Each structure stands twice: as C-alpha cells, then as structure tokens.
Amino acid sequence: MTLLGVHPRRAAILRYLVQHPDGATSGDIGRAIDIHYRTIWMDLRKLEAEGGVTSEEAADGRSSHWRVYKLRPEALEEAVRNFVGYVTGKPASNLAN
C-alpha cells in the first residue's frame, strides 16, 4: 500500500468500511483492526475532510457524541480512477475504455 502512497492504517479503515456499508464508529473499527479508537478517529476526520467518508450521530442509543462513519464508494472509485489516470498519463475519463 505504501508504494501507492496510501497509509496502511487508512487502507485498513477504508477496507473495514467497504465491508460494513451501514457504517461504524471509530471504536468499532479500532477493535476490529487492533488500533486505539482515538487514532482511528483522527484518520476518519481526515478522510471526512477529504470527502471519502461521511459521519452522522449514532442513532442506536449510544452516547450522543458517538459518530457513525460511512464510506462514500463513489469517492473511493473516483480517487482510484484519478490515481491510475495520473500514473498512466491517461485522463480519468478515458480509463473506462
């Protein structure tokens, strides 16, 4: 993953969210990949600022300050297309052909 410039921890977070489309809290993700939830939370904030994930208040009776993060699949697909386009020198619009 580092060859592509993707931090392995962030890749693990994205992978988890792909596998859990209903979303997850930073604690859920942290327990699954064995990393402290605060570290995951910081990465999720960055991913949200970059448009890769969304968050909303947990609606399942958890504390009101808990957030559920969900992957924006279209953002991930666009990022992959743009990266491949950049590396290959092809515009992202031509990659589907």
PDB file of N, CA and C in Angstrom:
ATOM      1  N   MET A   1       0.810  -1.188   0.000  1.00  0.00           N
ATOM      2  CA  MET A   1       0.000   0.000   0.000  1.00  0.00           C
ATOM      3  C   MET A   1       0.862   1.265   0.000  1.00  0.00           C
ATOM      4  N   THR A   2       2.009   1.207   0.647  1.00  0.00           N
ATOM      5  CA  THR A   2       2.824   2.411   0.708  1.00  0.00           C
ATOM      6  C   THR A   2       3.398   2.768  -0.657  1.00  0.00           C
ATOM      7  N   LEU A   3       3.552   1.795  -1.548  1.00  0.00           N
ATOM      8  CA  LEU A   3       4.001   2.088  -2.906  1.00  0.00           C
ATOM      9  C   LEU A   3       3.051   3.067  -3.583  1.00  0.00           C
ATOM     10  N   LEU A   4       1.774   2.945  -3.292  1.00  0.00           N
ATOM     11  CA  LEU A   4       0.768   3.821  -3.881  1.00  0.00           C
ATOM     12  C   LEU A   4       0.552   5.092  -3.071  1.00  0.00           C
ATOM     13  N   GLY A   5       1.292   5.247  -1.982  1.00  0.00           N
ATOM     14  CA  GLY A   5       1.147   6.431  -1.153  1.00  0.00           C
ATOM     15  C   GLY A   5      -0.012   6.362  -0.177  1.00  0.00           C
ATOM     16  N   VAL A   6      -0.566   5.189  -0.008  1.00  0.00           N
ATOM     17  CA  VAL A   6      -1.690   5.012   0.913  1.00  0.00           C
ATOM     18  C   VAL A   6      -1.144   4.477   2.229  1.00  0.00           C
ATOM     19  N   HIS A   7      -1.453   5.180   3.289  1.00  0.00           N
ATOM     20  CA  HIS A   7      -1.012   4.728   4.605  1.00  0.00           C
ATOM     21  C   HIS A   7      -1.734   3.417   4.933  1.00  0.00           C
ATOM     22  N   PRO A   8      -1.015   2.394   5.379  1.00  0.00           N
ATOM     23  CA  PRO A   8      -1.646   1.101   5.660  1.00  0.00           C
ATOM     24  C   PRO A   8      -2.810   1.172   6.644  1.00  0.00           C
ATOM     25  N   ARG A   9      -2.715   2.046   7.644  1.00  0.00           N
ATOM     26  CA  ARG A   9      -3.814   2.163   8.615  1.00  0.00           C
ATOM     27  C   ARG A   9      -5.059   2.733   7.939  1.00  0.00           C
ATOM     28  N   ARG A  10      -4.877   3.744   7.125  1.00  0.00           N
ATOM     29  CA  ARG A  10      -6.017   4.311   6.412  1.00  0.00           C
ATOM     30  C   ARG A  10      -6.612   3.285   5.439  1.00  0.00           C
ATOM     31  N   ALA A  11      -5.762   2.520   4.794  1.00  0.00           N
ATOM     32  CA  ALA A  11      -6.256   1.472   3.898  1.00  0.00           C
ATOM     33  C   ALA A  11      -7.079   0.462   4.684  1.00  0.00           C
ATOM     34  N   ALA A  12      -6.646   0.118   5.888  1.00  0.00           N
ATOM     35  CA  ALA A  12      -7.392  -0.831   6.721  1.00  0.00           C
ATOM     36  C   ALA A  12      -8.744  -0.245   7.126  1.00  0.00           C
ATOM     37  N   ILE A  13      -8.772   1.045   7.414  1.00  0.00           N
ATOM     38  CA  ILE A  13     -10.036   1.700   7.753  1.00  0.00           C
ATOM     39  C   ILE A  13     -10.982   1.666   6.567  1.00  0.00           C
ATOM     40  N   LEU A  14     -10.482   2.024   5.393  1.00  0.00           N
ATOM     41  CA  LEU A  14     -11.317   2.006   4.190  1.00  0.00           C
ATOM     42  C   LEU A  14     -11.826   0.597   3.903  1.00  0.00           C
ATOM     43  N   ARG A  15     -10.950  -0.377   4.059  1.00  0.00           N
ATOM     44  CA  ARG A  15     -11.358  -1.768   3.827  1.00  0.00           C
ATOM     45  C   ARG A  15     -12.483  -2.171   4.784  1.00  0.00           C
ATOM     46  N   TYR A  16     -12.331  -1.801   6.040  1.00  0.00           N
ATOM     47  CA  TYR A  16     -13.366  -2.120   7.026  1.00  0.00           C
ATOM     48  C   TYR A  16     -14.694  -1.477   6.629  1.00  0.00           C
ATOM     49  N   LEU A  17     -14.645  -0.216   6.231  1.00  0.00           N
ATOM     50  CA  LEU A  17     -15.879   0.473   5.859  1.00  0.00           C
ATOM     51  C   LEU A  17     -16.497  -0.098   4.581  1.00  0.00           C
ATOM     52  N   VAL A  18     -15.682  -0.572   3.660  1.00  0.00           N
ATOM     53  CA  VAL A  18     -16.217  -1.248   2.469  1.00  0.00           C
ATOM     54  C   VAL A  18     -16.985  -2.496   2.905  1.00  0.00           C
ATOM     55  N   GLN A  19     -16.454  -3.209   3.877  1.00  0.00           N
ATOM     56  CA  GLN A  19     -17.081  -4.446   4.350  1.00  0.00           C
ATOM     57  C   GLN A  19     -18.268  -4.192   5.273  1.00  0.00           C
ATOM     58  N   HIS A  20     -18.433  -2.951   5.738  1.00  0.00           N
ATOM     59  CA  HIS A  20     -19.524  -2.598   6.659  1.00  0.00           C
ATOM     60  C   HIS A  20     -20.236  -1.352   6.116  1.00  0.00           C
ATOM     61  N   PRO A  21     -21.015  -1.519   5.047  1.00  0.00           N
ATOM     62  CA  PRO A  21     -21.632  -0.363   4.395  1.00  0.00           C
ATOM     63  C   PRO A  21     -22.619   0.407   5.268  1.00  0.00           C
ATOM     64  N   ASP A  22     -23.105  -0.196   6.348  1.00  0.00           N
ATOM     65  CA  ASP A  22     -24.007   0.524   7.250  1.00  0.00           C
ATOM     66  C   ASP A  22     -23.244   1.459   8.177  1.00  0.00           C
ATOM     67  N   GLY A  23     -21.927   1.413   8.126  1.00  0.00           N
ATOM     68  CA  GLY A  23     -21.092   2.307   8.902  1.00  0.00           C
ATOM     69  C   GLY A  23     -20.615   1.716  10.200  1.00  0.00           C
ATOM     70  N   ALA A  24     -19.744   2.467  10.866  1.00  0.00           N
ATOM     71  CA  ALA A  24     -19.148   2.001  12.116  1.00  0.00           C
ATOM     72  C   ALA A  24     -18.589   3.206  12.868  1.00  0.00           C
ATOM     73  N   THR A  25     -18.454   3.038  14.167  1.00  0.00           N
ATOM     74  CA  THR A  25     -17.815   4.067  14.982  1.00  0.00           C
ATOM     75  C   THR A  25     -16.301   3.858  14.952  1.00  0.00           C
ATOM     76  N   SER A  26     -15.585   4.847  15.421  1.00  0.00           N
ATOM     77  CA  SER A  26     -14.129   4.705  15.496  1.00  0.00           C
ATOM     78  C   SER A  26     -13.761   3.558  16.431  1.00  0.00           C
ATOM     79  N   GLY A  27     -14.560   3.355  17.472  1.00  0.00           N
ATOM     80  CA  GLY A  27     -14.313   2.237  18.391  1.00  0.00           C
ATOM     81  C   GLY A  27     -14.523   0.891  17.724  1.00  0.00           C
ATOM     82  N   ASP A  28     -15.593   0.774  16.921  1.00  0.00           N
ATOM     83  CA  ASP A  28     -15.842  -0.473  16.195  1.00  0.00           C
ATOM     84  C   ASP A  28     -14.658  -0.815  15.296  1.00  0.00           C
ATOM     85  N   ILE A  29     -14.208   0.197  14.550  1.00  0.00           N
ATOM     86  CA  ILE A  29     -13.102  -0.022  13.616  1.00  0.00           C
ATOM     87  C   ILE A  29     -11.822  -0.326  14.378  1.00  0.00           C
ATOM     88  N   GLY A  30     -11.570   0.437  15.432  1.00  0.00           N
ATOM     89  CA  GLY A  30     -10.357   0.228  16.218  1.00  0.00           C
ATOM     90  C   GLY A  30     -10.260  -1.169  16.803  1.00  0.00           C
ATOM     91  N   ARG A  31     -11.379  -1.660  17.337  1.00  0.00           N
ATOM     92  CA  ARG A  31     -11.371  -3.025  17.887  1.00  0.00           C
ATOM     93  C   ARG A  31     -11.111  -4.048  16.789  1.00  0.00           C
ATOM     94  N   ALA A  32     -11.676  -3.835  15.628  1.00  0.00           N
ATOM     95  CA  ALA A  32     -11.529  -4.800  14.534  1.00  0.00           C
ATOM     96  C   ALA A  32     -10.106  -4.860  13.993  1.00  0.00           C
ATOM     97  N   ILE A  33      -9.425  -3.718  13.961  1.00  0.00           N
ATOM     98  CA  ILE A  33      -8.077  -3.718  13.396  1.00  0.00           C
ATOM     99  C   ILE A  33      -6.994  -3.503  14.463  1.00  0.00           C
ATOM    100  N   ASP A  34      -7.406  -3.548  15.724  1.00  0.00           N
ATOM    101  CA  ASP A  34      -6.494  -3.506  16.867  1.00  0.00           C
ATOM    102  C   ASP A  34      -5.656  -2.225  16.922  1.00  0.00           C
ATOM    103  N   ILE A  35      -6.364  -1.089  16.774  1.00  0.00           N
ATOM    104  CA  ILE A  35      -5.730   0.222  16.891  1.00  0.00           C
ATOM    105  C   ILE A  35      -6.650   1.079  17.761  1.00  0.00           C
ATOM    106  N   HIS A  36      -6.072   1.880  18.623  1.00  0.00           N
ATOM    107  CA  HIS A  36      -6.845   2.708  19.549  1.00  0.00           C
ATOM    108  C   HIS A  36      -7.829   3.586  18.791  1.00  0.00           C
ATOM    109  N   TYR A  37      -9.029   3.712  19.340  1.00  0.00           N
ATOM    110  CA  TYR A  37     -10.095   4.441  18.651  1.00  0.00           C
ATOM    111  C   TYR A  37      -9.744   5.899  18.397  1.00  0.00           C
ATOM    112  N   ARG A  38      -8.945   6.519  19.254  1.00  0.00           N
ATOM    113  CA  ARG A  38      -8.586   7.927  19.027  1.00  0.00           C
ATOM    114  C   ARG A  38      -7.716   8.087  17.784  1.00  0.00           C
ATOM    115  N   THR A  39      -6.851   7.128  17.558  1.00  0.00           N
ATOM    116  CA  THR A  39      -6.031   7.151  16.342  1.00  0.00           C
ATOM    117  C   THR A  39      -6.921   6.983  15.124  1.00  0.00           C
ATOM    118  N   ILE A  40      -7.862   6.039  15.197  1.00  0.00           N
ATOM    119  CA  ILE A  40      -8.805   5.821  14.105  1.00  0.00           C
ATOM    120  C   ILE A  40      -9.640   7.082  13.884  1.00  0.00           C
ATOM    121  N   TRP A  41     -10.088   7.689  14.964  1.00  0.00           N
ATOM    122  CA  TRP A  41     -10.907   8.894  14.878  1.00  0.00           C
ATOM    123  C   TRP A  41     -10.175  10.014  14.142  1.00  0.00           C
ATOM    124  N   MET A  42      -8.886  10.181  14.421  1.00  0.00           N
ATOM    125  CA  MET A  42      -8.112  11.217  13.731  1.00  0.00           C
ATOM    126  C   MET A  42      -8.040  10.927  12.229  1.00  0.00           C
ATOM    127  N   ASP A  43      -7.826   9.670  11.876  1.00  0.00           N
ATOM    128  CA  ASP A  43      -7.806   9.307  10.456  1.00  0.00           C
ATOM    129  C   ASP A  43      -9.170   9.505   9.814  1.00  0.00           C
ATOM    130  N   LEU A  44     -10.224   9.144  10.521  1.00  0.00           N
ATOM    131  CA  LEU A  44     -11.573   9.326   9.983  1.00  0.00           C
ATOM    132  C   LEU A  44     -11.883  10.800   9.753  1.00  0.00           C
ATOM    133  N   ARG A  45     -11.447  11.652  10.642  1.00  0.00           N
ATOM    134  CA  ARG A  45     -11.653  13.098  10.446  1.00  0.00           C
ATOM    135  C   ARG A  45     -10.969  13.569   9.177  1.00  0.00           C
ATOM    136  N   LYS A  46      -9.754  13.075   8.921  1.00  0.00           N
ATOM    137  CA  LYS A  46      -9.031  13.441   7.699  1.00  0.00           C
ATOM    138  C   LYS A  46      -9.754  12.903   6.475  1.00  0.00           C
ATOM    139  N   LEU A  47     -10.185  11.651   6.555  1.00  0.00           N
ATOM    140  CA  LEU A  47     -10.910  11.052   5.429  1.00  0.00           C
ATOM    141  C   LEU A  47     -12.217  11.793   5.163  1.00  0.00           C
ATOM    142  N   GLU A  48     -12.868  12.251   6.216  1.00  0.00           N
ATOM    143  CA  GLU A  48     -14.110  13.004   6.039  1.00  0.00           C
ATOM    144  C   GLU A  48     -13.816  14.368   5.409  1.00  0.00           C
ATOM    145  N   ALA A  49     -12.765  15.027   5.849  1.00  0.00           N
ATOM    146  CA  ALA A  49     -12.396  16.324   5.285  1.00  0.00           C
ATOM    147  C   ALA A  49     -12.050  16.204   3.803  1.00  0.00           C
ATOM    148  N   GLU A  50     -11.514  15.055   3.414  1.00  0.00           N
ATOM    149  CA  GLU A  50     -11.150  14.807   2.015  1.00  0.00           C
ATOM    150  C   GLU A  50     -12.336  14.316   1.190  1.00  0.00           C
ATOM    151  N   GLY A  51     -13.481  14.097   1.842  1.00  0.00           N
ATOM    152  CA  GLY A  51     -14.679  13.678   1.125  1.00  0.00           C
ATOM    153  C   GLY A  51     -14.828  12.184   0.937  1.00  0.00           C
ATOM    154  N   GLY A  52     -13.980  11.396   1.582  1.00  0.00           N
ATOM    155  CA  GLY A  52     -14.029   9.945   1.410  1.00  0.00           C
ATOM    156  C   GLY A  52     -15.027   9.230   2.294  1.00  0.00           C
ATOM    157  N   VAL A  53     -15.360   9.843   3.417  1.00  0.00           N
ATOM    158  CA  VAL A  53     -16.350   9.258   4.323  1.00  0.00           C
ATOM    159  C   VAL A  53     -17.307  10.347   4.782  1.00  0.00           C
ATOM    160  N   THR A  54     -18.446   9.918   5.262  1.00  0.00           N
ATOM    161  CA  THR A  54     -19.406  10.814   5.887  1.00  0.00           C
ATOM    162  C   THR A  54     -19.605  10.339   7.320  1.00  0.00           C
ATOM    163  N   SER A  55     -20.171  11.210   8.139  1.00  0.00           N
ATOM    164  CA  SER A  55     -20.463  10.790   9.507  1.00  0.00           C
ATOM    165  C   SER A  55     -21.797  11.367   9.935  1.00  0.00           C
ATOM    166  N   GLU A  56     -22.400  10.660  10.868  1.00  0.00           N
ATOM    167  CA  GLU A  56     -23.653  11.121  11.458  1.00  0.00           C
ATOM    168  C   GLU A  56     -23.702  10.637  12.896  1.00  0.00           C
ATOM    169  N   GLU A  57     -24.519  11.281  13.679  1.00  0.00           N
ATOM    170  CA  GLU A  57     -24.664  10.890  15.077  1.00  0.00           C
ATOM    171  C   GLU A  57     -25.214   9.471  15.150  1.00  0.00           C
ATOM    172  N   ALA A  58     -24.662   8.670  16.032  1.00  0.00           N
ATOM    173  CA  ALA A  58     -25.136   7.294  16.215  1.00  0.00           C
ATOM    174  C   ALA A  58     -26.590   7.322  16.673  1.00  0.00           C
ATOM    175  N   ALA A  59     -27.421   6.521  16.036  1.00  0.00           N
ATOM    176  CA  ALA A  59     -28.858   6.537  16.328  1.00  0.00           C
ATOM    177  C   ALA A  59     -29.319   5.287  17.067  1.00  0.00           C
ATOM    178  N   ASP A  60     -28.383   4.522  17.590  1.00  0.00           N
ATOM    179  CA  ASP A  60     -28.761   3.248  18.214  1.00  0.00           C
ATOM    180  C   ASP A  60     -28.726   3.294  19.739  1.00  0.00           C
ATOM    181  N   GLY A  61     -28.923   4.486  20.292  1.00  0.00           N
ATOM    182  CA  GLY A  61     -28.945   4.605  21.743  1.00  0.00           C
ATOM    183  C   GLY A  61     -27.588   4.836  22.369  1.00  0.00           C
ATOM    184  N   ARG A  62     -26.553   4.922  21.546  1.00  0.00           N
ATOM    185  CA  ARG A  62     -25.226   5.203  22.090  1.00  0.00           C
ATOM    186  C   ARG A  62     -25.168   6.663  22.505  1.00  0.00           C
ATOM    187  N   SER A  63     -24.133   7.016  23.180  1.00  0.00           N
ATOM    188  CA  SER A  63     -23.940   8.399  23.617  1.00  0.00           C
ATOM    189  C   SER A  63     -24.070   9.345  22.433  1.00  0.00           C
ATOM    190  N   SER A  64     -24.609  10.520  22.666  1.00  0.00           N
ATOM    191  CA  SER A  64     -24.865  11.468  21.582  1.00  0.00           C
ATOM    192  C   SER A  64     -23.586  11.974  20.917  1.00  0.00           C
ATOM    193  N   HIS A  65     -22.424  11.791  21.536  1.00  0.00           N
ATOM    194  CA  HIS A  65     -21.190  12.257  20.905  1.00  0.00           C
ATOM    195  C   HIS A  65     -20.535  11.183  20.039  1.00  0.00           C
ATOM    196  N   TRP A  66     -21.115   9.990  19.968  1.00  0.00           N
ATOM    197  CA  TRP A  66     -20.580   8.939  19.106  1.00  0.00           C
ATOM    198  C   TRP A  66     -21.049   9.180  17.688  1.00  0.00           C
ATOM    199  N   ARG A  67     -20.140   8.979  16.739  1.00  0.00           N
ATOM    200  CA  ARG A  67     -20.459   9.188  15.341  1.00  0.00           C
ATOM    201  C   ARG A  67     -20.288   7.871  14.592  1.00  0.00           C
ATOM    202  N   VAL A  68     -21.144   7.687  13.603  1.00  0.00           N
ATOM    203  CA  VAL A  68     -21.053   6.532  12.722  1.00  0.00           C
ATOM    204  C   VAL A  68     -20.494   7.033  11.394  1.00  0.00           C
ATOM    205  N   TYR A  69     -19.430   6.399  10.958  1.00  0.00           N
ATOM    206  CA  TYR A  69     -18.750   6.784   9.718  1.00  0.00           C
ATOM    207  C   TYR A  69     -19.100   5.793   8.627  1.00  0.00           C
ATOM    208  N   LYS A  70     -19.349   6.339   7.435  1.00  0.00           N
ATOM    209  CA  LYS A  70     -19.662   5.505   6.275  1.00  0.00           C
ATOM    210  C   LYS A  70     -18.777   5.922   5.112  1.00  0.00           C
ATOM    211  N   LEU A  71     -18.367   4.934   4.358  1.00  0.00           N
ATOM    212  CA  LEU A  71     -17.572   5.176   3.169  1.00  0.00           C
ATOM    213  C   LEU A  71     -18.443   5.780   2.074  1.00  0.00           C
ATOM    214  N   ARG A  72     -17.899   6.681   1.321  1.00  0.00           N
ATOM    215  CA  ARG A  72     -18.551   7.186   0.118  1.00  0.00           C
ATOM    216  C   ARG A  72     -17.939   6.420  -1.052  1.00  0.00           C
ATOM    217  N   PRO A  73     -18.583   5.306  -1.481  1.00  0.00           N
ATOM    218  CA  PRO A  73     -17.986   4.461  -2.516  1.00  0.00           C
ATOM    219  C   PRO A  73     -17.609   5.225  -3.777  1.00  0.00           C
ATOM    220  N   GLU A  74     -18.430   6.196  -4.161  1.00  0.00           N
ATOM    221  CA  GLU A  74     -18.125   6.952  -5.372  1.00  0.00           C
ATOM    222  C   GLU A  74     -16.845   7.762  -5.210  1.00  0.00           C
ATOM    223  N   ALA A  75     -16.566   8.233  -4.016  1.00  0.00           N
ATOM    224  CA  ALA A  75     -15.333   8.978  -3.766  1.00  0.00           C
ATOM    225  C   ALA A  75     -14.122   8.059  -3.873  1.00  0.00           C
ATOM    226  N   LEU A  76     -14.247   6.851  -3.343  1.00  0.00           N
ATOM    227  CA  LEU A  76     -13.156   5.886  -3.442  1.00  0.00           C
ATOM    228  C   LEU A  76     -12.898   5.517  -4.900  1.00  0.00           C
ATOM    229  N   GLU A  77     -13.959   5.250  -5.643  1.00  0.00           N
ATOM    230  CA  GLU A  77     -13.815   4.897  -7.064  1.00  0.00           C
ATOM    231  C   GLU A  77     -13.170   6.046  -7.842  1.00  0.00           C
ATOM    232  N   GLU A  78     -13.586   7.269  -7.558  1.00  0.00           N
ATOM    233  CA  GLU A  78     -13.008   8.428  -8.251  1.00  0.00           C
ATOM    234  C   GLU A  78     -11.527   8.585  -7.914  1.00  0.00           C
ATOM    235  N   ALA A  79     -11.175   8.390  -6.656  1.00  0.00           N
ATOM    236  CA  ALA A  79      -9.778   8.510  -6.240  1.00  0.00           C
ATOM    237  C   ALA A  79      -8.914   7.472  -6.947  1.00  0.00           C
ATOM    238  N   VAL A  80      -9.420   6.253  -7.060  1.00  0.00           N
ATOM    239  CA  VAL A  80      -8.661   5.196  -7.748  1.00  0.00           C
ATOM    240  C   VAL A  80      -8.505   5.547  -9.227  1.00  0.00           C
ATOM    241  N   ARG A  81      -9.598   5.970  -9.865  1.00  0.00           N
ATOM    242  CA  ARG A  81      -9.529   6.362 -11.287  1.00  0.00           C
ATOM    243  C   ARG A  81      -8.531   7.494 -11.498  1.00  0.00           C
ATOM    244  N   ASN A  82      -8.601   8.505 -10.650  1.00  0.00           N
ATOM    245  CA  ASN A  82      -7.686   9.642 -10.789  1.00  0.00           C
ATOM    246  C   ASN A  82      -6.237   9.230 -10.590  1.00  0.00           C
ATOM    247  N   PHE A  83      -5.996   8.349  -9.618  1.00  0.00           N
ATOM    248  CA  PHE A  83      -4.629   7.891  -9.373  1.00  0.00           C
ATOM    249  C   PHE A  83      -4.106   7.103 -10.564  1.00  0.00           C
ATOM    250  N   VAL A  84      -4.897   6.166 -11.047  1.00  0.00           N
ATOM    251  CA  VAL A  84      -4.474   5.362 -12.196  1.00  0.00           C
ATOM    252  C   VAL A  84      -4.273   6.268 -13.415  1.00  0.00           C
ATOM    253  N   GLY A  85      -5.164   7.215 -13.595  1.00  0.00           N
ATOM    254  CA  GLY A  85      -5.020   8.146 -14.702  1.00  0.00           C
ATOM    255  C   GLY A  85      -3.734   8.948 -14.609  1.00  0.00           C
ATOM    256  N   TYR A  86      -3.413   9.392 -13.434  1.00  0.00           N
ATOM    257  CA  TYR A  86      -2.194  10.159 -13.235  1.00  0.00           C
ATOM    258  C   TYR A  86      -0.965   9.307 -13.527  1.00  0.00           C
ATOM    259  N   VAL A  87      -0.920   8.115 -12.957  1.00  0.00           N
ATOM    260  CA  VAL A  87       0.245   7.247 -13.112  1.00  0.00           C
ATOM    261  C   VAL A  87       0.430   6.821 -14.567  1.00  0.00           C
ATOM    262  N   THR A  88      -0.666   6.536 -15.250  1.00  0.00           N
ATOM    263  CA  THR A  88      -0.571   6.066 -16.640  1.00  0.00           C
ATOM    264  C   THR A  88      -0.552   7.198 -17.656  1.00  0.00           C
ATOM    265  N   GLY A  89      -0.801   8.413 -17.197  1.00  0.00           N
ATOM    266  CA  GLY A  89      -0.819   9.548 -18.107  1.00  0.00           C
ATOM    267  C   GLY A  89      -2.095   9.661 -18.909  1.00  0.00           C
ATOM    268  N   LYS A  90      -3.129   8.935 -18.480  1.00  0.00           N
ATOM    269  CA  LYS A  90      -4.428   8.983 -19.168  1.00  0.00           C
ATOM    270  C   LYS A  90      -5.396   9.774 -18.321  1.00  0.00           C
ATOM    271  N   PRO A  91      -6.192  10.614 -18.957  1.00  0.00           N
ATOM    272  CA  PRO A  91      -7.240  11.294 -18.178  1.00  0.00           C
ATOM    273  C   PRO A  91      -8.192  10.272 -17.561  1.00  0.00           C
ATOM    274  N   ALA A  92      -8.705  10.571 -16.389  1.00  0.00           N
ATOM    275  CA  ALA A  92      -9.597   9.656 -15.686  1.00  0.00           C
ATOM    276  C   ALA A  92     -10.809   9.284 -16.542  1.00  0.00           C
ATOM    277  N   SER A  93     -11.263  10.200 -17.389  1.00  0.00           N
ATOM    278  CA  SER A  93     -12.439   9.915 -18.221  1.00  0.00           C
ATOM    279  C   SER A  93     -12.171   8.832 -19.259  1.00  0.00           C
ATOM    280  N   ASN A  94     -10.902   8.579 -19.599  1.00  0.00           N
ATOM    281  CA  ASN A  94     -10.568   7.561 -20.597  1.00  0.00           C
ATOM    282  C   ASN A  94     -10.284   6.193 -20.006  1.00  0.00           C
ATOM    283  N   LEU A  95     -10.309   6.066 -18.691  1.00  0.00           N
ATOM    284  CA  LEU A  95      -9.907   4.801 -18.057  1.00  0.00           C
ATOM    285  C   LEU A  95     -10.966   3.726 -18.194  1.00  0.00           C
ATOM    286  N   ALA A  96     -12.214   4.085 -18.394  1.00  0.00           N
ATOM    287  CA  ALA A  96     -13.274   3.079 -18.518  1.00  0.00           C
ATOM    288  C   ALA A  96     -13.206   2.389 -19.864  1.00  0.00           C
ATOM    289  N   ASN A  97     -12.495   2.968 -20.821  1.00  0.00           N
ATOM    290  CA  ASN A  97     -12.431   2.397 -22.177  1.00  0.00           C
ATOM    291  C   ASN A  97     -11.350   1.362 -22.301  1.00  0.00           C
TER     292      ASN A  97
END
